[in-house]
C-alpha cells in the first residue's frame, strides 16, 4: 500500500500514534463479512476476501490523495442463517453481531481514528440491519463519524454489475469475479466453469418468505452465473466498491 495506507494489525502502537497525530488525523475502514457457504467452488471466507479487497483499495486511493487511512482487522462472523443448511457456515445471533460490530467501532473511535467506515460484502438482510443498528449506536454513544456506504441501496447498486442488480448474485459471476481478482488460488476453477446458471433472485425469494438458500432454490448454495466469472471483471468491480468508500470518507471530511 502507499504511504499512509496500512493494515492496522501489522503496525506497532507508535506507528498508529504517528498516523493519528498527522494533520487531518487517520481514517479507518472496517471490513465486514461472514463465514458461510458460497457454492461448491468458492471458499467460506468469500465475503471477507471481498470486504478486505475493497477496503485496501479504498485506503490506497485515499493515501494517494494524502489522506492517512488504516484497514482494521476484518470481522468474519455475523448473521448467516440463509446458508445455515450448508456445512461450515457459522452464524451469530443478530444481537451478538450488532454488539460485536458496535464495540469494535467504538474502540476504533476511542483510539482516535476518524472517520470510520464499514466495508461490507455480506448481503443477508438481517446482517445489513445489524450494521445499521451498530452504526447508529456508536454515533450516539461516542459522537463518532461512522459511515456505511450500503451497496444494497438502489443508488449504489445501480453502479454495480447486471448480475448484482438482478439479485441472483450469491457466489455467481459477481462474487466469483471478485474472489478471482484477489485470491484466485481459493477458487475451484475447473468446477466453477462447469456450474449451470441458477437464475433465482434472492431479493425476490426473501420477499416471498424463503428462509434459506435451499428454500430459495439454491441446492448448492450459489445463485447466478459462476461460469462467467473473470478476474478482469472483478478488478473493475473492486474499483467501484472502493470508490463508494472513498467518496463516503472524503465527503465526511469536506
Protein backbone atom coordinates (compact mmCIF):
# COMPACT_ATOMS: atom_id res chain seq x y z
CA UNK A 1 0.00 0.00 0.00
CA UNK A 2 1.13 3.61 -0.48
CA UNK A 3 2.49 5.55 2.49
CA UNK A 4 -0.42 6.43 4.76
CA UNK A 5 -2.43 3.29 3.95
CA UNK A 6 -1.84 0.36 6.30
CA UNK A 7 -3.30 -2.80 7.76
CA UNK A 8 -3.67 -1.81 11.41
CA UNK A 9 -2.80 -5.27 12.70
CA UNK A 10 0.64 -5.12 11.05
CA UNK A 11 1.60 -1.89 12.80
CA UNK A 12 3.25 -1.29 16.18
CA UNK A 13 1.50 1.10 18.52
CA UNK A 14 3.92 4.04 17.93
CA UNK A 15 3.15 3.76 14.20
CA UNK A 16 -0.57 4.10 14.90
CA UNK A 17 0.05 7.04 17.24
CA UNK A 18 2.02 8.79 14.49
CA UNK A 19 -0.78 8.27 11.96
CA UNK A 20 -3.43 9.61 14.35
CA UNK A 21 -1.24 12.66 15.05
CA UNK A 22 -0.93 13.56 11.36
CA UNK A 23 -2.69 16.72 10.18
CA UNK A 24 -6.21 15.61 9.31
CA UNK A 25 -5.89 12.54 11.50
CA UNK A 26 -6.30 9.00 10.26
CA UNK A 27 -9.40 7.34 8.85
CA UNK A 28 -10.17 3.67 9.39
CA UNK A 29 -12.09 1.11 7.36
CA UNK A 30 -13.56 -1.99 8.98
CA UNK A 31 -14.07 -4.91 6.55
CA UNK A 32 -17.13 -6.96 7.46
CA UNK A 33 -18.15 -10.35 6.08
CA UNK A 34 -19.34 -13.76 7.19
CA UNK A 35 -18.14 -17.34 7.28
CA UNK A 36 -20.69 -19.13 5.14
CA UNK A 37 -21.19 -21.43 2.16
CA UNK A 38 -20.56 -19.92 -1.27
CA UNK A 39 -21.29 -22.77 -3.61
CA UNK A 40 -19.03 -25.78 -4.18
CA UNK A 41 -16.41 -23.61 -5.91
CA UNK A 42 -15.75 -20.61 -3.62
CA UNK A 43 -14.35 -20.54 -0.07
CA UNK A 44 -16.31 -19.88 3.08
CA UNK A 45 -14.42 -16.61 3.55
CA UNK A 46 -15.58 -15.16 0.22
CA UNK A 47 -17.31 -12.19 1.84
CA UNK A 48 -14.26 -11.43 3.99
CA UNK A 49 -11.98 -11.56 0.93
CA UNK A 50 -14.22 -9.11 -0.90
CA UNK A 51 -14.56 -6.75 2.06
CA UNK A 52 -10.79 -6.70 2.57
CA UNK A 53 -10.21 -6.11 -1.14
CA UNK A 54 -12.49 -3.10 -1.28
CA UNK A 55 -11.14 -1.69 1.99
CA UNK A 56 -7.48 -1.98 0.97
CA UNK A 57 -8.10 -0.40 -2.42
CA UNK A 58 -10.00 2.46 -0.82
CA UNK A 59 -7.24 3.02 1.75
CA UNK A 60 -4.64 3.10 -1.02
CA UNK A 61 -6.69 5.59 -3.05
CA UNK A 62 -7.07 7.83 -0.01
CA UNK A 63 -3.35 7.64 0.74
CA UNK A 64 -2.57 8.69 -2.82
CA UNK A 65 -4.68 11.78 -2.10
CA UNK A 66 -2.66 12.46 1.06
CA UNK A 67 -5.30 11.07 3.46
CA UNK A 68 -3.98 8.60 6.04
CA UNK A 69 -6.17 5.52 6.41
CA UNK A 70 -5.82 2.16 8.15
CA UNK A 71 -7.67 -1.05 7.42
CA UNK A 72 -8.86 -2.71 10.62
CA UNK A 73 -8.73 -6.50 11.08
CA UNK A 74 -11.89 -7.88 9.45
CA UNK A 75 -14.94 -9.25 11.21
CA UNK A 76 -15.53 -12.73 9.80
CA UNK A 77 -18.68 -13.71 11.71
CA UNK A 78 -22.22 -12.39 11.51
CA UNK A 79 -25.81 -13.43 10.87
CA UNK A 80 -25.71 -16.10 8.14
CA UNK A 81 -28.93 -18.02 8.54
CA UNK A 82 -29.60 -18.34 4.81
CA UNK A 83 -26.53 -20.54 4.42
CA UNK A 84 -27.12 -22.43 7.70
CA UNK A 85 -28.12 -25.72 5.97
CA UNK A 86 -24.62 -26.00 4.48
CA UNK A 87 -21.52 -27.33 6.24
CA UNK A 88 -19.02 -24.78 7.53
CA UNK A 89 -21.45 -21.88 7.87
CA UNK A 90 -21.04 -20.18 11.26
CA UNK A 91 -23.90 -17.83 12.10
CA UNK A 92 -24.21 -15.41 15.02
CA UNK A 93 -27.38 -14.19 16.70
CA UNK A 94 -28.26 -10.68 15.44
CA UNK A 95 -27.79 -9.16 18.87
CA UNK A 96 -24.31 -10.70 19.13
CA UNK A 97 -23.31 -9.45 15.68
CA UNK A 98 -24.59 -5.96 16.43
CA UNK A 99 -22.82 -5.76 19.79
CA UNK A 100 -19.53 -7.05 18.36
CA UNK A 101 -19.55 -4.58 15.50
CA UNK A 102 -20.54 -1.68 17.73
CA UNK A 103 -17.79 -2.43 20.26
CA UNK A 104 -15.12 -2.66 17.56
CA UNK A 105 -16.21 0.63 16.01
CA UNK A 106 -16.37 2.32 19.43
CA UNK A 107 -12.89 1.03 20.27
CA UNK A 108 -11.53 2.41 16.98
CA UNK A 109 -13.14 5.77 17.70
CA UNK A 110 -11.65 5.70 21.19
CA UNK A 111 -8.23 5.11 19.66
CA UNK A 112 -8.54 8.41 17.80
CA UNK A 113 -9.31 7.01 14.37
CA UNK A 114 -11.78 9.14 12.40
CA UNK A 115 -13.80 8.95 10.30
CA UNK A 116 -14.72 5.28 10.44
CA UNK A 117 -16.23 3.40 7.52
CA UNK A 118 -17.71 -0.09 7.22
CA UNK A 119 -16.76 -2.07 4.11
CA UNK A 120 -19.42 -4.76 3.94
CA UNK A 121 -19.65 -7.67 1.49
CA UNK A 122 -22.25 -9.89 3.20
CA UNK A 123 -25.73 -9.10 1.89
CA UNK A 124 -28.14 -11.04 4.11
CA UNK A 125 -30.86 -8.56 5.18
CA UNK A 126 -30.62 -9.38 8.90
CA UNK A 127 -26.88 -8.74 8.73
CA UNK A 128 -27.38 -5.39 6.99
CA UNK A 129 -29.75 -4.41 9.78
CA UNK A 130 -27.13 -5.24 12.43
CA UNK A 131 -24.68 -2.91 10.70
CA UNK A 132 -27.18 -0.06 10.57
CA UNK A 133 -28.06 -0.56 14.23
CA UNK A 134 -24.40 -0.72 15.30
CA UNK A 135 -23.52 2.41 13.34
CA UNK A 136 -26.37 4.35 14.92
CA UNK A 137 -25.40 3.09 18.38
CA UNK A 138 -21.79 4.20 18.03
CA UNK A 139 -22.77 7.57 16.63
CA UNK A 140 -24.95 8.11 19.69
CA UNK A 141 -22.58 6.56 22.20
CA UNK A 142 -19.35 8.23 21.07
CA UNK A 143 -20.38 11.06 18.77
CA UNK A 144 -18.13 9.35 16.20
CA UNK A 145 -18.33 9.84 12.47
CA UNK A 146 -19.24 6.36 11.23
CA UNK A 147 -20.04 5.76 7.57
CA UNK A 148 -21.77 2.84 5.91
CA UNK A 149 -21.96 3.02 2.11
CA UNK A 150 -24.51 0.21 1.74
CA UNK A 151 -24.15 -1.50 -1.65
CA UNK A 152 -27.74 -2.75 -1.43
CA UNK A 153 -29.09 0.81 -1.63
CA UNK A 154 -30.52 1.46 -5.09
CA UNK A 155 -28.18 4.34 -5.95
CA UNK A 156 -25.12 2.24 -5.11
CA UNK A 157 -26.40 -0.99 -6.62
CA UNK A 158 -27.01 0.76 -9.95
CA UNK A 159 -23.26 1.32 -10.22
CA UNK A 160 -22.51 -2.39 -9.93
CA UNK A 161 -22.89 -5.30 -12.35
CA UNK A 162 -26.01 -6.57 -14.06
CA UNK A 163 -25.92 -9.80 -12.08
CA UNK A 164 -25.66 -7.89 -8.81
CA UNK A 165 -28.66 -5.76 -9.74
CA UNK A 166 -30.64 -8.89 -10.67
CA UNK A 167 -30.39 -10.22 -7.11
CA UNK A 168 -29.03 -13.58 -8.37
CA UNK A 169 -25.58 -12.79 -7.08
CA UNK A 170 -24.52 -15.16 -4.32
CA UNK A 171 -21.34 -16.99 -5.39
CA UNK A 172 -22.19 -16.33 -9.03
CA UNK A 173 -20.43 -14.16 -11.60
CA UNK A 174 -20.34 -11.10 -9.32
CA UNK A 175 -18.71 -12.67 -6.26
CA UNK A 176 -16.76 -15.23 -8.26
CA UNK A 177 -15.10 -12.45 -10.26
CA UNK A 178 -14.13 -10.58 -7.11
CA UNK A 179 -12.51 -13.62 -5.49
CA UNK A 180 -10.72 -14.48 -8.74
CA UNK A 181 -9.27 -10.96 -8.74
CA UNK A 182 -7.87 -11.13 -5.20
CA UNK A 183 -7.50 -14.80 -4.22
CA UNK A 184 -7.57 -16.90 -7.42
CA UNK A 185 -6.00 -19.98 -5.82
CA UNK A 186 -9.02 -20.22 -3.49
CA UNK A 187 -11.37 -20.79 -6.45
CA UNK A 188 -12.02 -24.34 -7.69
CA UNK A 189 -11.85 -23.10 -11.24
CA UNK A 190 -12.48 -26.28 -13.20
CA UNK A 191 -15.59 -26.94 -11.12
CA UNK A 192 -16.70 -23.30 -11.44
CA UNK A 193 -16.59 -23.41 -15.25
CA UNK A 194 -18.99 -26.35 -15.33
CA UNK A 195 -21.65 -24.97 -13.00
CA UNK A 196 -25.03 -24.19 -14.58
CA UNK A 197 -26.82 -20.91 -14.04
CA UNK A 198 -29.24 -20.64 -11.12
CA UNK A 199 -31.41 -17.70 -12.26
CA UNK A 200 -33.08 -17.03 -8.92
CA UNK A 201 -33.22 -13.54 -7.43
CA UNK A 202 -32.53 -13.80 -3.72
CA UNK A 203 -34.21 -10.43 -3.26
CA UNK A 204 -37.46 -11.81 -4.66
CA UNK A 205 -37.07 -15.11 -2.79
CA UNK A 206 -36.70 -13.27 0.51
CA UNK A 207 -39.75 -11.15 -0.24
CA UNK A 208 -41.64 -14.37 -0.93
CA UNK A 209 -40.79 -15.65 2.54
CA UNK A 210 -37.97 -18.09 1.73
CA UNK A 211 -35.79 -18.57 4.80
CA UNK A 212 -32.62 -20.18 3.45
CA UNK A 213 -30.79 -20.99 0.22
CA UNK A 214 -32.41 -24.41 -0.09
CA UNK A 215 -35.91 -22.95 0.10
CA UNK A 216 -34.87 -20.33 -2.45
CA UNK A 217 -33.75 -22.97 -4.94
CA UNK A 218 -30.01 -22.91 -4.37
CA UNK A 219 -29.32 -26.58 -3.73
CA UNK A 220 -25.55 -25.98 -3.88
CA UNK A 221 -25.54 -22.59 -2.11
CA UNK A 222 -24.99 -20.43 -5.18
CA UNK A 223 -27.11 -18.25 -7.45
CA UNK A 224 -26.34 -16.53 -10.73
CA UNK A 225 -23.75 -17.47 -13.35
CA UNK A 226 -20.46 -18.56 -11.78
CA UNK A 227 -19.14 -19.98 -15.06
CA UNK A 228 -18.98 -16.44 -16.49
CA UNK A 229 -16.82 -15.00 -13.70
CA UNK A 230 -13.48 -13.40 -14.57
CA UNK A 231 -10.65 -11.70 -12.72
CA UNK A 232 -10.88 -8.75 -15.12
CA UNK A 233 -14.50 -8.11 -14.16
CA UNK A 234 -13.54 -8.50 -10.52
CA UNK A 235 -10.91 -5.77 -10.77
CA UNK A 236 -13.41 -3.42 -12.41
CA UNK A 237 -15.98 -4.13 -9.70
CA UNK A 238 -13.43 -3.64 -6.94
CA UNK A 239 -12.69 -0.18 -8.34
CA UNK A 240 -16.37 0.74 -8.00
CA UNK A 241 -16.65 -0.71 -4.49
CA UNK A 242 -13.54 1.15 -3.37
CA UNK A 243 -14.85 4.39 -4.87
CA UNK A 244 -18.00 4.13 -2.75
CA UNK A 245 -15.84 4.07 0.38
CA UNK A 246 -13.55 6.86 -0.81
CA UNK A 247 -16.49 9.09 -1.68
CA UNK A 248 -18.07 8.50 1.72
CA UNK A 249 -14.88 9.25 3.65
CA UNK A 250 -13.89 12.27 1.59
CA UNK A 251 -17.43 13.61 1.74
CA UNK A 252 -17.43 13.42 5.52
CA UNK A 253 -14.26 15.47 5.82
CA UNK A 254 -15.00 18.29 3.38
